[in-house]
């Protein structure tokens, strides 16, 4: 499959490993200008490096991700995208609760934000399944047993962008690692189970 860049960054590829540098203050999030009394709301950014391919029809994308978890919202992620106002990402992220968690964001104009399960360590597997315009995000600690973190619908075209996203919304950036990436063009029997 041919991969392309949106917001090109440094990349290093070896046999089954891809390293992408997330520059400082980079993210994909379409927020509002509302303010909180304490803390802060994510600002609107669409500047994080996105290394993607275009896939037609149903598929399963699976990859092992890892990083150093230095700054809040640092993440190695996967993303599916119709355009800049219609996309979704599945992240292994350092949350604002200082946990390592499976986090998801779905954007249809505005972005939502949902922390999923907290995970031990600095590596996890992420998976996205598409069946029609229905999508599911899954996470796994071992690459064998996957659990659903999000099921959602996107008003997407038959061909959609899918790939690797490296973000560092609040910090100085760093390397995000993606290993054993696989993309299968198939229709899962049970999208919630991811198989």
N, C-alpha and C. Protein backbone atom coordinates (compact mmCIF):
# COMPACT_ATOMS: atom_id res chain seq x y z
N UNK A 1 0.84 -1.19 0.00
CA UNK A 1 0.00 0.00 0.00
C UNK A 1 0.87 1.25 0.00
N UNK A 2 0.43 2.24 -0.72
CA UNK A 2 1.16 3.50 -0.79
C UNK A 2 0.72 4.42 0.35
N UNK A 3 1.69 4.97 1.06
CA UNK A 3 1.40 5.88 2.15
C UNK A 3 1.76 7.31 1.76
N UNK A 4 1.01 8.26 2.30
CA UNK A 4 1.21 9.68 2.03
C UNK A 4 1.27 10.42 3.37
N UNK A 5 1.67 11.68 3.28
CA UNK A 5 1.76 12.52 4.48
C UNK A 5 0.69 13.61 4.48
N UNK A 6 0.17 13.86 5.66
CA UNK A 6 -0.46 15.13 5.98
C UNK A 6 0.35 15.66 7.15
N UNK A 7 0.90 16.84 7.04
CA UNK A 7 1.80 17.41 8.06
C UNK A 7 3.05 16.55 8.20
N UNK A 8 3.84 16.51 7.16
CA UNK A 8 5.01 15.62 7.11
C UNK A 8 5.98 15.88 8.26
N UNK A 9 6.56 14.80 8.77
CA UNK A 9 7.53 14.88 9.84
C UNK A 9 8.66 13.89 9.58
N UNK A 10 9.59 13.80 10.53
CA UNK A 10 10.68 12.83 10.40
C UNK A 10 10.13 11.42 10.61
N UNK A 11 10.62 10.51 9.80
CA UNK A 11 10.18 9.12 9.89
C UNK A 11 11.39 8.21 9.70
N UNK A 12 11.41 7.12 10.45
CA UNK A 12 12.45 6.10 10.33
C UNK A 12 11.76 4.75 10.23
N UNK A 13 12.06 4.02 9.16
CA UNK A 13 11.42 2.73 8.94
C UNK A 13 12.45 1.62 8.90
N UNK A 14 12.19 0.57 9.67
CA UNK A 14 12.96 -0.66 9.56
C UNK A 14 11.95 -1.76 9.23
N UNK A 15 12.35 -3.01 9.34
CA UNK A 15 11.53 -4.10 8.80
C UNK A 15 10.08 -4.06 9.28
N UNK A 16 9.84 -4.11 10.58
CA UNK A 16 8.47 -4.11 11.10
C UNK A 16 8.22 -2.96 12.05
N UNK A 17 9.01 -1.90 11.92
CA UNK A 17 8.96 -0.80 12.88
C UNK A 17 8.98 0.54 12.15
N UNK A 18 8.09 1.43 12.57
CA UNK A 18 8.04 2.79 12.04
C UNK A 18 8.14 3.75 13.22
N UNK A 19 9.06 4.69 13.14
CA UNK A 19 9.19 5.73 14.16
C UNK A 19 8.85 7.06 13.52
N UNK A 20 7.89 7.76 14.10
CA UNK A 20 7.49 9.08 13.60
C UNK A 20 7.70 10.09 14.72
N UNK A 21 8.33 11.22 14.39
CA UNK A 21 8.55 12.28 15.36
C UNK A 21 7.33 13.17 15.44
N UNK A 22 6.79 13.31 16.65
CA UNK A 22 5.71 14.25 16.90
C UNK A 22 6.33 15.58 17.31
N UNK A 23 6.22 16.63 16.50
CA UNK A 23 6.75 17.93 16.90
C UNK A 23 5.98 18.50 18.09
N UNK A 24 6.58 19.47 18.75
CA UNK A 24 5.92 20.12 19.89
C UNK A 24 4.61 20.78 19.46
N UNK A 25 3.64 20.74 20.37
CA UNK A 25 2.35 21.43 20.21
C UNK A 25 1.63 21.00 18.94
N UNK A 26 1.53 19.68 18.75
CA UNK A 26 0.82 19.15 17.58
C UNK A 26 -0.30 18.22 18.01
N UNK A 27 -1.44 18.34 17.31
CA UNK A 27 -2.63 17.59 17.69
C UNK A 27 -3.61 17.58 16.54
N UNK A 28 -4.60 16.71 16.64
CA UNK A 28 -5.82 16.82 15.85
C UNK A 28 -6.97 16.93 16.84
N UNK A 29 -7.61 18.09 16.87
CA UNK A 29 -8.76 18.31 17.75
C UNK A 29 -9.49 19.56 17.27
N UNK A 30 -10.80 19.45 17.14
CA UNK A 30 -11.62 20.58 16.72
C UNK A 30 -12.47 21.01 17.91
N UNK A 31 -11.94 21.94 18.72
CA UNK A 31 -12.59 22.35 19.95
C UNK A 31 -13.38 23.63 19.80
N UNK A 32 -13.97 24.05 20.91
CA UNK A 32 -14.71 25.32 20.94
C UNK A 32 -13.88 26.34 21.71
N UNK A 33 -14.37 27.55 21.80
CA UNK A 33 -13.64 28.60 22.50
C UNK A 33 -14.14 28.78 23.93
N UNK A 34 -14.98 27.85 24.41
CA UNK A 34 -15.46 27.93 25.79
C UNK A 34 -14.30 27.79 26.76
N UNK A 35 -14.45 28.37 27.94
CA UNK A 35 -13.38 28.31 28.94
C UNK A 35 -13.86 27.56 30.17
N UNK A 36 -12.91 26.92 30.84
CA UNK A 36 -13.17 26.27 32.12
C UNK A 36 -12.56 27.11 33.22
N UNK A 37 -13.17 27.06 34.41
CA UNK A 37 -12.61 27.80 35.54
C UNK A 37 -11.27 27.21 35.96
N UNK A 38 -11.18 25.89 35.94
CA UNK A 38 -9.93 25.21 36.25
C UNK A 38 -9.56 24.30 35.09
N UNK A 39 -8.26 24.12 34.91
CA UNK A 39 -7.80 23.30 33.80
C UNK A 39 -7.97 24.06 32.50
N UNK A 40 -7.90 23.33 31.41
CA UNK A 40 -8.05 23.99 30.11
C UNK A 40 -8.69 23.02 29.14
N UNK A 41 -9.34 23.58 28.15
CA UNK A 41 -9.90 22.77 27.08
C UNK A 41 -8.89 22.68 25.94
N UNK A 42 -8.84 21.55 25.24
CA UNK A 42 -7.91 21.45 24.11
C UNK A 42 -8.23 22.51 23.06
N UNK A 43 -7.19 23.09 22.49
CA UNK A 43 -7.43 24.06 21.44
C UNK A 43 -7.61 23.34 20.11
N UNK A 44 -8.13 24.07 19.13
CA UNK A 44 -8.33 23.48 17.81
C UNK A 44 -7.00 23.44 17.06
N UNK A 45 -6.56 22.24 16.74
CA UNK A 45 -5.33 22.04 15.98
C UNK A 45 -5.54 20.90 14.99
N UNK A 46 -4.95 21.02 13.83
CA UNK A 46 -4.93 19.93 12.85
C UNK A 46 -3.54 19.86 12.24
N UNK A 47 -2.52 19.86 13.12
CA UNK A 47 -1.15 19.97 12.65
C UNK A 47 -0.25 18.79 13.01
N UNK A 48 -0.80 17.73 13.59
CA UNK A 48 0.02 16.58 13.96
C UNK A 48 0.37 15.75 12.71
N UNK A 49 1.54 15.13 12.69
CA UNK A 49 1.92 14.29 11.55
C UNK A 49 0.99 13.09 11.40
N UNK A 50 0.48 12.92 10.18
CA UNK A 50 -0.44 11.83 9.87
C UNK A 50 0.10 11.11 8.63
N UNK A 51 0.47 9.85 8.82
CA UNK A 51 1.06 9.01 7.78
C UNK A 51 0.01 7.98 7.40
N UNK A 52 -0.59 8.15 6.23
CA UNK A 52 -1.82 7.41 5.93
C UNK A 52 -1.79 6.78 4.54
N UNK A 53 -2.70 5.84 4.37
CA UNK A 53 -3.00 5.27 3.07
C UNK A 53 -4.49 5.41 2.83
N UNK A 54 -4.91 5.25 1.60
CA UNK A 54 -6.34 5.32 1.28
C UNK A 54 -6.86 3.92 1.04
N UNK A 55 -7.95 3.58 1.71
CA UNK A 55 -8.51 2.23 1.67
C UNK A 55 -9.96 2.31 1.24
N UNK A 56 -10.34 1.46 0.32
CA UNK A 56 -11.74 1.40 -0.11
C UNK A 56 -12.43 0.22 0.57
N UNK A 57 -13.59 0.50 1.13
CA UNK A 57 -14.40 -0.56 1.71
C UNK A 57 -13.97 -0.97 3.10
N UNK A 58 -14.42 -2.16 3.50
CA UNK A 58 -14.20 -2.64 4.85
C UNK A 58 -12.75 -3.08 5.05
N UNK A 59 -12.26 -2.92 6.28
CA UNK A 59 -10.88 -3.30 6.58
C UNK A 59 -10.69 -3.44 8.08
N UNK A 60 -9.53 -4.01 8.44
CA UNK A 60 -9.05 -4.05 9.82
C UNK A 60 -7.61 -3.57 9.82
N UNK A 61 -7.33 -2.52 10.58
CA UNK A 61 -5.97 -2.01 10.77
C UNK A 61 -5.56 -2.31 12.20
N UNK A 62 -4.35 -2.88 12.34
CA UNK A 62 -3.87 -3.27 13.66
C UNK A 62 -2.40 -2.89 13.77
N UNK A 63 -1.98 -2.36 14.95
CA UNK A 63 -0.59 -1.96 15.13
C UNK A 63 -0.25 -1.92 16.61
N UNK A 64 1.00 -2.26 16.92
CA UNK A 64 1.52 -2.12 18.29
C UNK A 64 2.17 -0.75 18.40
N UNK A 65 1.82 0.00 19.44
CA UNK A 65 2.33 1.37 19.61
C UNK A 65 3.04 1.52 20.95
N UNK A 66 3.97 2.46 21.00
CA UNK A 66 4.67 2.77 22.25
C UNK A 66 5.29 4.15 22.16
N UNK A 67 5.55 4.75 23.33
CA UNK A 67 6.27 6.03 23.41
C UNK A 67 6.65 6.27 24.86
N UNK A 68 7.24 7.44 25.13
CA UNK A 68 7.84 7.69 26.44
C UNK A 68 6.89 8.32 27.47
N UNK A 69 5.70 8.75 27.06
CA UNK A 69 4.71 9.32 28.00
C UNK A 69 5.32 10.45 28.84
N UNK A 70 5.85 11.46 28.16
CA UNK A 70 6.51 12.56 28.87
C UNK A 70 5.54 13.67 29.27
N UNK A 71 4.68 14.09 28.34
CA UNK A 71 3.82 15.26 28.56
C UNK A 71 2.35 14.89 28.38
N UNK A 72 1.48 15.64 29.03
CA UNK A 72 0.04 15.39 28.97
C UNK A 72 -0.43 15.36 27.51
N UNK A 73 -1.22 14.36 27.20
CA UNK A 73 -1.81 14.11 25.88
C UNK A 73 -0.81 13.61 24.85
N UNK A 74 0.45 13.35 25.22
CA UNK A 74 1.35 12.65 24.31
C UNK A 74 0.68 11.35 23.89
N UNK A 75 0.75 11.04 22.60
CA UNK A 75 0.06 9.84 22.13
C UNK A 75 0.68 9.29 20.86
N UNK A 76 0.67 7.97 20.76
CA UNK A 76 0.83 7.26 19.50
C UNK A 76 -0.56 6.76 19.14
N UNK A 77 -1.03 7.11 17.95
CA UNK A 77 -2.44 6.91 17.62
C UNK A 77 -2.61 6.33 16.22
N UNK A 78 -3.83 5.85 15.97
CA UNK A 78 -4.27 5.55 14.61
C UNK A 78 -5.47 6.42 14.32
N UNK A 79 -5.64 6.78 13.05
CA UNK A 79 -6.73 7.68 12.70
C UNK A 79 -7.37 7.27 11.38
N UNK A 80 -8.69 7.45 11.30
CA UNK A 80 -9.44 7.33 10.05
C UNK A 80 -10.01 8.70 9.74
N UNK A 81 -10.01 9.08 8.44
CA UNK A 81 -10.39 10.43 8.10
C UNK A 81 -11.11 10.50 6.75
N UNK A 82 -12.24 11.17 6.76
CA UNK A 82 -12.88 11.57 5.50
C UNK A 82 -12.28 12.90 5.05
N UNK A 83 -12.27 13.90 5.96
CA UNK A 83 -11.67 15.21 5.70
C UNK A 83 -11.38 15.86 7.05
N UNK A 84 -11.00 17.13 7.05
CA UNK A 84 -10.57 17.79 8.29
C UNK A 84 -11.71 18.04 9.28
N UNK A 85 -12.94 17.85 8.86
CA UNK A 85 -14.07 18.03 9.79
C UNK A 85 -14.76 16.71 10.11
N UNK A 86 -14.26 15.60 9.56
CA UNK A 86 -14.89 14.28 9.76
C UNK A 86 -13.79 13.23 9.88
N UNK A 87 -13.48 12.86 11.12
CA UNK A 87 -12.40 11.91 11.37
C UNK A 87 -12.54 11.33 12.78
N UNK A 88 -11.74 10.31 13.07
CA UNK A 88 -11.73 9.73 14.41
C UNK A 88 -10.35 9.15 14.68
N UNK A 89 -9.91 9.25 15.93
CA UNK A 89 -8.60 8.71 16.29
C UNK A 89 -8.70 7.85 17.54
N UNK A 90 -7.83 6.85 17.57
CA UNK A 90 -7.71 5.89 18.66
C UNK A 90 -6.29 6.03 19.20
N UNK A 91 -6.15 6.42 20.46
CA UNK A 91 -4.87 6.85 21.00
C UNK A 91 -4.43 5.99 22.19
N UNK A 92 -3.13 5.80 22.30
CA UNK A 92 -2.53 5.31 23.55
C UNK A 92 -1.82 6.52 24.14
N UNK A 93 -2.40 7.08 25.20
CA UNK A 93 -2.13 8.47 25.59
C UNK A 93 -1.79 8.61 27.07
N UNK A 94 -0.98 9.61 27.36
CA UNK A 94 -0.78 10.06 28.74
C UNK A 94 -1.90 11.04 29.04
N UNK A 95 -2.85 10.64 29.89
CA UNK A 95 -4.03 11.47 30.13
C UNK A 95 -3.72 12.58 31.14
N UNK A 96 -4.68 13.48 31.28
CA UNK A 96 -4.54 14.55 32.27
C UNK A 96 -4.79 14.04 33.68
N UNK A 97 -5.05 12.73 33.82
CA UNK A 97 -5.10 12.08 35.13
C UNK A 97 -3.80 11.29 35.38
N UNK A 98 -2.82 11.48 34.50
CA UNK A 98 -1.50 10.85 34.59
C UNK A 98 -1.57 9.33 34.52
N UNK A 99 -2.51 8.85 33.72
CA UNK A 99 -2.60 7.42 33.43
C UNK A 99 -2.20 7.18 31.99
N UNK A 100 -1.80 5.95 31.69
CA UNK A 100 -1.59 5.52 30.31
C UNK A 100 -2.91 4.86 29.90
N UNK A 101 -3.60 5.44 28.93
CA UNK A 101 -4.96 4.97 28.65
C UNK A 101 -5.25 4.88 27.16
N UNK A 102 -6.19 4.00 26.84
CA UNK A 102 -6.77 3.94 25.51
C UNK A 102 -7.82 5.05 25.43
N UNK A 103 -7.61 6.00 24.55
CA UNK A 103 -8.44 7.20 24.46
C UNK A 103 -8.96 7.32 23.03
N UNK A 104 -10.19 7.81 22.87
CA UNK A 104 -10.74 7.98 21.53
C UNK A 104 -11.35 9.36 21.37
N UNK A 105 -11.28 9.86 20.15
CA UNK A 105 -11.90 11.13 19.77
C UNK A 105 -12.62 10.91 18.44
N UNK A 106 -13.89 11.31 18.38
CA UNK A 106 -14.65 11.27 17.14
C UNK A 106 -15.06 12.69 16.80
N UNK A 107 -14.81 13.09 15.57
CA UNK A 107 -15.06 14.46 15.13
C UNK A 107 -16.02 14.46 13.95
N UNK A 108 -17.15 15.12 14.16
CA UNK A 108 -18.10 15.41 13.08
C UNK A 108 -18.40 16.90 13.23
N UNK A 109 -17.47 17.71 12.78
CA UNK A 109 -17.53 19.15 13.03
C UNK A 109 -16.76 19.46 14.29
N UNK A 110 -17.37 19.20 15.46
CA UNK A 110 -16.69 19.35 16.74
C UNK A 110 -16.16 17.99 17.20
N UNK A 111 -15.09 18.03 17.99
CA UNK A 111 -14.50 16.80 18.53
C UNK A 111 -15.06 16.49 19.91
N UNK A 112 -15.31 15.21 20.18
CA UNK A 112 -15.56 14.79 21.54
C UNK A 112 -14.26 14.21 22.09
N UNK A 113 -14.27 13.66 23.28
CA UNK A 113 -13.06 13.11 23.89
C UNK A 113 -13.48 12.09 24.93
N UNK A 114 -12.98 10.86 24.83
CA UNK A 114 -13.42 9.81 25.75
C UNK A 114 -12.22 8.99 26.21
N UNK A 115 -11.92 9.07 27.51
CA UNK A 115 -10.89 8.21 28.09
C UNK A 115 -11.46 6.82 28.25
N UNK A 116 -10.69 5.82 27.78
CA UNK A 116 -11.08 4.44 27.96
C UNK A 116 -10.31 3.82 29.11
N UNK A 117 -9.97 2.56 28.95
CA UNK A 117 -9.29 1.83 30.03
C UNK A 117 -7.86 2.29 30.23
N UNK A 118 -7.45 2.31 31.50
CA UNK A 118 -6.05 2.54 31.82
C UNK A 118 -5.27 1.25 31.58
N UNK A 119 -4.05 1.38 31.06
CA UNK A 119 -3.23 0.23 30.72
C UNK A 119 -1.86 0.37 31.38
N UNK A 120 -1.29 -0.74 31.79
CA UNK A 120 0.03 -0.73 32.40
C UNK A 120 1.10 -0.66 31.32
N UNK A 121 2.21 -0.03 31.63
CA UNK A 121 3.36 -0.02 30.73
C UNK A 121 3.27 1.03 29.65
N UNK A 122 4.23 0.98 28.73
CA UNK A 122 4.36 2.00 27.69
C UNK A 122 4.03 1.49 26.30
N UNK A 123 3.45 0.28 26.20
CA UNK A 123 3.09 -0.23 24.89
C UNK A 123 1.75 -0.93 24.93
N UNK A 124 1.06 -0.85 23.79
CA UNK A 124 -0.26 -1.48 23.65
C UNK A 124 -0.52 -1.69 22.17
N UNK A 125 -1.53 -2.49 21.89
CA UNK A 125 -1.99 -2.69 20.51
C UNK A 125 -3.27 -1.89 20.31
N UNK A 126 -3.38 -1.27 19.14
CA UNK A 126 -4.59 -0.54 18.75
C UNK A 126 -5.13 -1.16 17.47
N UNK A 127 -6.46 -1.15 17.34
CA UNK A 127 -7.10 -1.73 16.15
C UNK A 127 -8.30 -0.87 15.76
N UNK A 128 -8.50 -0.72 14.45
CA UNK A 128 -9.72 -0.09 13.94
C UNK A 128 -10.33 -1.01 12.90
N UNK A 129 -11.64 -1.21 13.01
CA UNK A 129 -12.39 -2.02 12.05
C UNK A 129 -13.43 -1.14 11.37
N UNK A 130 -13.60 -1.35 10.08
CA UNK A 130 -14.67 -0.66 9.34
C UNK A 130 -15.61 -1.70 8.73
N UNK A 131 -16.91 -1.48 8.90
CA UNK A 131 -17.95 -2.24 8.21
C UNK A 131 -18.96 -1.20 7.71
N UNK A 132 -18.94 -0.95 6.41
CA UNK A 132 -19.76 0.13 5.86
C UNK A 132 -19.28 1.45 6.41
N UNK A 133 -20.19 2.23 6.96
CA UNK A 133 -19.80 3.48 7.62
C UNK A 133 -19.83 3.35 9.13
N UNK A 134 -19.78 2.11 9.62
CA UNK A 134 -19.63 1.84 11.04
C UNK A 134 -18.17 1.49 11.33
N UNK A 135 -17.67 2.00 12.45
CA UNK A 135 -16.28 1.80 12.84
C UNK A 135 -16.22 1.37 14.30
N UNK A 136 -15.17 0.64 14.64
CA UNK A 136 -14.92 0.30 16.04
C UNK A 136 -13.43 0.40 16.31
N UNK A 137 -13.11 0.94 17.49
CA UNK A 137 -11.74 0.98 17.98
C UNK A 137 -11.58 -0.08 19.06
N UNK A 138 -10.45 -0.78 19.04
CA UNK A 138 -10.14 -1.79 20.04
C UNK A 138 -8.73 -1.59 20.57
N UNK A 139 -8.48 -2.08 21.78
CA UNK A 139 -7.15 -2.06 22.36
C UNK A 139 -6.82 -3.47 22.86
N UNK A 140 -5.51 -3.72 23.00
CA UNK A 140 -5.06 -5.02 23.50
C UNK A 140 -3.72 -4.83 24.21
N UNK A 141 -3.52 -5.59 25.26
CA UNK A 141 -2.23 -5.59 25.95
C UNK A 141 -1.27 -6.60 25.35
N UNK A 142 -1.81 -7.62 24.66
CA UNK A 142 -0.96 -8.72 24.19
C UNK A 142 -1.00 -8.94 22.68
N UNK A 143 -1.82 -8.19 21.96
CA UNK A 143 -1.92 -8.37 20.52
C UNK A 143 -2.80 -9.53 20.10
N UNK A 144 -3.37 -10.22 21.07
CA UNK A 144 -4.23 -11.37 20.79
C UNK A 144 -5.67 -11.13 21.23
N UNK A 145 -5.84 -10.62 22.44
CA UNK A 145 -7.17 -10.39 23.01
C UNK A 145 -7.50 -8.91 22.93
N UNK A 146 -8.42 -8.56 22.04
CA UNK A 146 -8.79 -7.16 21.82
C UNK A 146 -10.13 -6.86 22.46
N UNK A 147 -10.26 -5.64 22.99
CA UNK A 147 -11.47 -5.20 23.68
C UNK A 147 -11.94 -3.88 23.08
N UNK A 148 -13.24 -3.77 22.90
CA UNK A 148 -13.78 -2.56 22.28
C UNK A 148 -13.67 -1.36 23.21
N UNK A 149 -13.21 -0.24 22.67
CA UNK A 149 -13.21 1.02 23.40
C UNK A 149 -14.19 2.01 22.82
N UNK A 150 -14.61 1.82 21.57
CA UNK A 150 -15.52 2.78 20.94
C UNK A 150 -16.16 2.15 19.72
N UNK A 151 -17.47 2.34 19.57
CA UNK A 151 -18.20 2.00 18.35
C UNK A 151 -18.89 3.27 17.88
N UNK A 152 -18.77 3.59 16.60
CA UNK A 152 -19.30 4.87 16.12
C UNK A 152 -19.57 4.81 14.63
N UNK A 153 -20.21 5.85 14.13
CA UNK A 153 -20.56 5.98 12.72
C UNK A 153 -19.89 7.24 12.17
N UNK A 154 -19.35 7.14 10.98
CA UNK A 154 -18.86 8.32 10.26
C UNK A 154 -19.54 8.39 8.90
N UNK A 155 -20.01 9.55 8.50
CA UNK A 155 -20.60 9.69 7.16
C UNK A 155 -19.50 9.76 6.11
N UNK A 156 -18.81 8.65 5.92
CA UNK A 156 -17.61 8.62 5.08
C UNK A 156 -17.94 8.15 3.67
N UNK A 157 -17.00 8.40 2.77
CA UNK A 157 -17.08 7.88 1.41
C UNK A 157 -16.54 6.45 1.39
N UNK A 158 -16.75 5.72 0.28
CA UNK A 158 -16.19 4.36 0.22
C UNK A 158 -14.68 4.32 0.44
N UNK A 159 -13.96 5.34 -0.05
CA UNK A 159 -12.51 5.42 0.16
C UNK A 159 -12.24 6.38 1.32
N UNK A 160 -11.46 5.91 2.29
CA UNK A 160 -11.17 6.73 3.47
C UNK A 160 -9.67 6.67 3.76
N UNK A 161 -9.15 7.72 4.37
CA UNK A 161 -7.76 7.72 4.81
C UNK A 161 -7.67 6.93 6.12
N UNK A 162 -6.62 6.14 6.27
CA UNK A 162 -6.38 5.39 7.51
C UNK A 162 -4.88 5.28 7.72
N UNK A 163 -4.45 5.52 8.96
CA UNK A 163 -3.02 5.43 9.19
C UNK A 163 -2.59 5.84 10.58
N UNK A 164 -1.35 6.29 10.68
CA UNK A 164 -0.66 6.51 11.94
C UNK A 164 -0.56 8.01 12.24
N UNK A 165 -0.91 8.37 13.47
CA UNK A 165 -0.90 9.76 13.92
C UNK A 165 0.02 9.89 15.12
N UNK A 166 0.91 10.90 15.09
CA UNK A 166 1.85 11.13 16.19
C UNK A 166 1.58 12.52 16.76
N UNK A 167 1.19 12.59 18.04
CA UNK A 167 0.80 13.89 18.60
C UNK A 167 1.53 14.21 19.90
N UNK A 168 1.63 15.53 20.14
CA UNK A 168 2.22 16.07 21.37
C UNK A 168 1.57 17.42 21.64
N UNK A 169 0.30 17.45 22.05
CA UNK A 169 -0.45 18.70 22.14
C UNK A 169 0.10 19.72 23.12
N UNK A 170 0.64 19.27 24.25
CA UNK A 170 1.05 20.22 25.29
C UNK A 170 2.56 20.30 25.48
N UNK A 171 3.31 19.34 24.96
CA UNK A 171 4.72 19.23 25.31
C UNK A 171 5.68 19.51 24.19
N UNK A 172 6.88 19.01 24.37
CA UNK A 172 7.99 19.28 23.46
C UNK A 172 8.11 18.28 22.32
N UNK A 173 7.24 17.29 22.30
CA UNK A 173 7.28 16.31 21.23
C UNK A 173 8.20 15.14 21.54
N UNK A 174 8.30 14.23 20.58
CA UNK A 174 9.13 13.05 20.76
C UNK A 174 8.80 11.99 19.74
N UNK A 175 9.44 10.85 19.88
CA UNK A 175 9.28 9.76 18.92
C UNK A 175 8.11 8.87 19.33
N UNK A 176 7.27 8.54 18.36
CA UNK A 176 6.17 7.60 18.54
C UNK A 176 6.51 6.36 17.71
N UNK A 177 6.36 5.18 18.31
CA UNK A 177 6.79 3.93 17.67
C UNK A 177 5.57 3.09 17.30
N UNK A 178 5.59 2.58 16.06
CA UNK A 178 4.52 1.73 15.53
C UNK A 178 5.17 0.46 14.99
N UNK A 179 4.73 -0.70 15.50
CA UNK A 179 5.34 -1.95 15.09
C UNK A 179 4.29 -2.94 14.60
N UNK A 180 4.72 -3.79 13.67
CA UNK A 180 3.88 -4.88 13.14
C UNK A 180 2.54 -4.36 12.61
N UNK A 181 2.59 -3.27 11.86
CA UNK A 181 1.38 -2.71 11.24
C UNK A 181 0.81 -3.70 10.23
N UNK A 182 -0.49 -3.96 10.33
CA UNK A 182 -1.16 -4.78 9.32
C UNK A 182 -2.48 -4.12 8.94
N UNK A 183 -2.80 -4.19 7.66
CA UNK A 183 -4.08 -3.70 7.15
C UNK A 183 -4.66 -4.80 6.28
N UNK A 184 -5.79 -5.35 6.72
CA UNK A 184 -6.47 -6.41 5.96
C UNK A 184 -7.77 -5.88 5.41
N UNK A 185 -7.98 -6.08 4.11
CA UNK A 185 -9.26 -5.71 3.52
C UNK A 185 -10.23 -6.87 3.72
N UNK A 186 -11.00 -6.77 4.79
CA UNK A 186 -11.96 -7.83 5.10
C UNK A 186 -13.10 -7.23 5.91
N UNK A 187 -14.19 -7.96 5.98
CA UNK A 187 -15.35 -7.55 6.78
C UNK A 187 -15.42 -8.45 8.01
N UNK A 188 -15.28 -7.87 9.19
CA UNK A 188 -15.38 -8.67 10.40
C UNK A 188 -16.83 -9.13 10.60
N UNK A 189 -17.00 -10.26 11.22
CA UNK A 189 -18.35 -10.78 11.48
C UNK A 189 -19.03 -10.04 12.62
N UNK A 190 -18.22 -9.59 13.60
CA UNK A 190 -18.75 -8.90 14.78
C UNK A 190 -17.87 -7.67 15.02
N UNK A 191 -18.35 -6.51 14.61
CA UNK A 191 -17.51 -5.31 14.70
C UNK A 191 -17.21 -4.92 16.14
N UNK A 192 -18.13 -5.21 17.06
CA UNK A 192 -17.88 -4.88 18.46
C UNK A 192 -16.76 -5.74 19.04
N UNK A 193 -16.71 -6.99 18.63
CA UNK A 193 -15.64 -7.89 19.06
C UNK A 193 -14.37 -7.71 18.24
N UNK A 194 -14.51 -7.09 17.06
CA UNK A 194 -13.35 -6.85 16.21
C UNK A 194 -12.84 -8.07 15.50
N UNK A 195 -13.74 -9.06 15.28
CA UNK A 195 -13.30 -10.28 14.57
C UNK A 195 -14.50 -10.96 13.93
